[in-house]
Amino acid sequence: MGGYGRLPGLVSEELLEKASREGLEEEQKEEIVGMKNELKELCQENSLPDLSNDLESLLTYILFSNIALQFFKTRNFD
């Protein structure tokens, strides 16, 4: 689990077990699909390539939706 090196301390076995078995709930999956659709529509409306399948762009849109469009317009997509 994780690919960012060693943790600075011990992890509770209970917490590790819980993190290992829990995935996204259906509601969370639906929310992500909704955000992907919003991003796809935003790209179409602003003559941008479809960024909805690019994880980095999707996360940018989810976390910074108020400034994401400005950022996407400055990127070079060649």
Protein backbone atom coordinates (compact mmCIF):
# COMPACT_ATOMS: atom_id res chain seq x y z
CA MET A 1 0.00 0.00 0.00
CA GLY A 2 1.36 3.43 -0.90
CA GLY A 3 4.39 4.17 -2.98
CA TYR A 4 5.89 7.14 -1.20
CA GLY A 5 8.57 5.54 0.93
CA ARG A 6 8.60 4.57 4.57
CA LEU A 7 6.32 6.05 7.18
CA PRO A 8 7.96 8.00 9.99
CA GLY A 9 6.44 5.74 12.64
CA LEU A 10 4.44 2.61 13.31
CA VAL A 11 0.96 2.23 11.89
CA SER A 12 -1.77 0.70 13.99
CA GLU A 13 -2.65 -2.77 12.68
CA GLU A 14 -6.33 -1.91 13.07
CA LEU A 15 -5.94 1.23 10.95
CA LEU A 16 -3.87 -0.57 8.32
CA GLU A 17 -6.47 -3.34 8.05
CA LYS A 18 -9.29 -0.81 7.73
CA ALA A 19 -7.47 1.18 5.03
CA SER A 20 -6.68 -1.99 3.10
CA ARG A 21 -10.24 -3.26 2.88
CA GLU A 22 -12.19 -0.05 2.39
CA GLY A 23 -12.68 1.21 -1.13
CA LEU A 24 -14.76 3.99 -2.54
CA GLU A 25 -18.41 3.90 -1.66
CA GLU A 26 -20.99 4.06 -4.42
CA GLU A 27 -21.86 7.67 -3.60
CA GLN A 28 -18.21 8.69 -3.90
CA LYS A 29 -17.88 6.91 -7.24
CA GLU A 30 -20.96 8.72 -8.54
CA GLU A 31 -19.53 12.04 -7.36
CA ILE A 32 -16.29 11.41 -9.26
CA VAL A 33 -18.20 10.48 -12.42
CA GLY A 34 -20.22 13.69 -12.05
CA MET A 35 -17.06 15.77 -11.73
CA LYS A 36 -15.56 14.06 -14.78
CA ASN A 37 -18.67 14.95 -16.77
CA GLU A 38 -18.52 18.57 -15.56
CA LEU A 39 -14.87 18.81 -16.60
CA LYS A 40 -15.62 17.29 -20.00
CA GLU A 41 -18.40 19.83 -20.57
CA LEU A 42 -16.18 22.70 -19.39
CA CYS A 43 -13.50 21.65 -21.88
CA GLN A 44 -16.00 21.46 -24.74
CA GLU A 45 -17.44 24.89 -23.94
CA ASN A 46 -13.97 26.45 -23.86
CA SER A 47 -12.38 24.75 -26.90
CA LEU A 48 -10.00 22.72 -24.75
CA PRO A 49 -9.06 19.08 -25.30
CA ASP A 50 -11.04 16.61 -23.19
CA LEU A 51 -9.15 16.57 -19.89
CA SER A 52 -11.69 14.47 -18.02
CA ASN A 53 -9.68 11.25 -18.39
CA ASP A 54 -6.44 12.85 -17.22
CA LEU A 55 -6.18 12.17 -13.48
CA GLU A 56 -4.01 15.21 -12.77
CA SER A 57 -6.41 17.54 -14.58
CA LEU A 58 -9.42 15.97 -12.90
CA LEU A 59 -7.87 16.43 -9.46
CA THR A 60 -6.98 20.02 -10.34
CA TYR A 61 -10.59 20.65 -11.31
CA ILE A 62 -11.98 18.96 -8.18
CA LEU A 63 -9.66 20.74 -5.77
CA PHE A 64 -9.45 24.15 -7.46
CA SER A 65 -12.59 24.43 -9.57
CA ASN A 66 -12.72 28.21 -9.12
CA ILE A 67 -9.37 28.74 -10.90
CA ALA A 68 -8.97 25.51 -12.89
CA LEU A 69 -10.30 26.96 -16.16
CA GLN A 70 -7.79 29.82 -16.08
CA PHE A 71 -5.01 27.31 -15.43
CA PHE A 72 -6.13 24.95 -18.21
CA LYS A 73 -6.23 27.84 -20.70
CA THR A 74 -2.55 28.61 -20.00
CA ARG A 75 -1.38 25.03 -20.54
CA ASN A 76 0.20 23.96 -23.81
CA PHE A 77 -1.58 20.87 -25.12
CA ASP A 78 0.61 20.23 -28.19
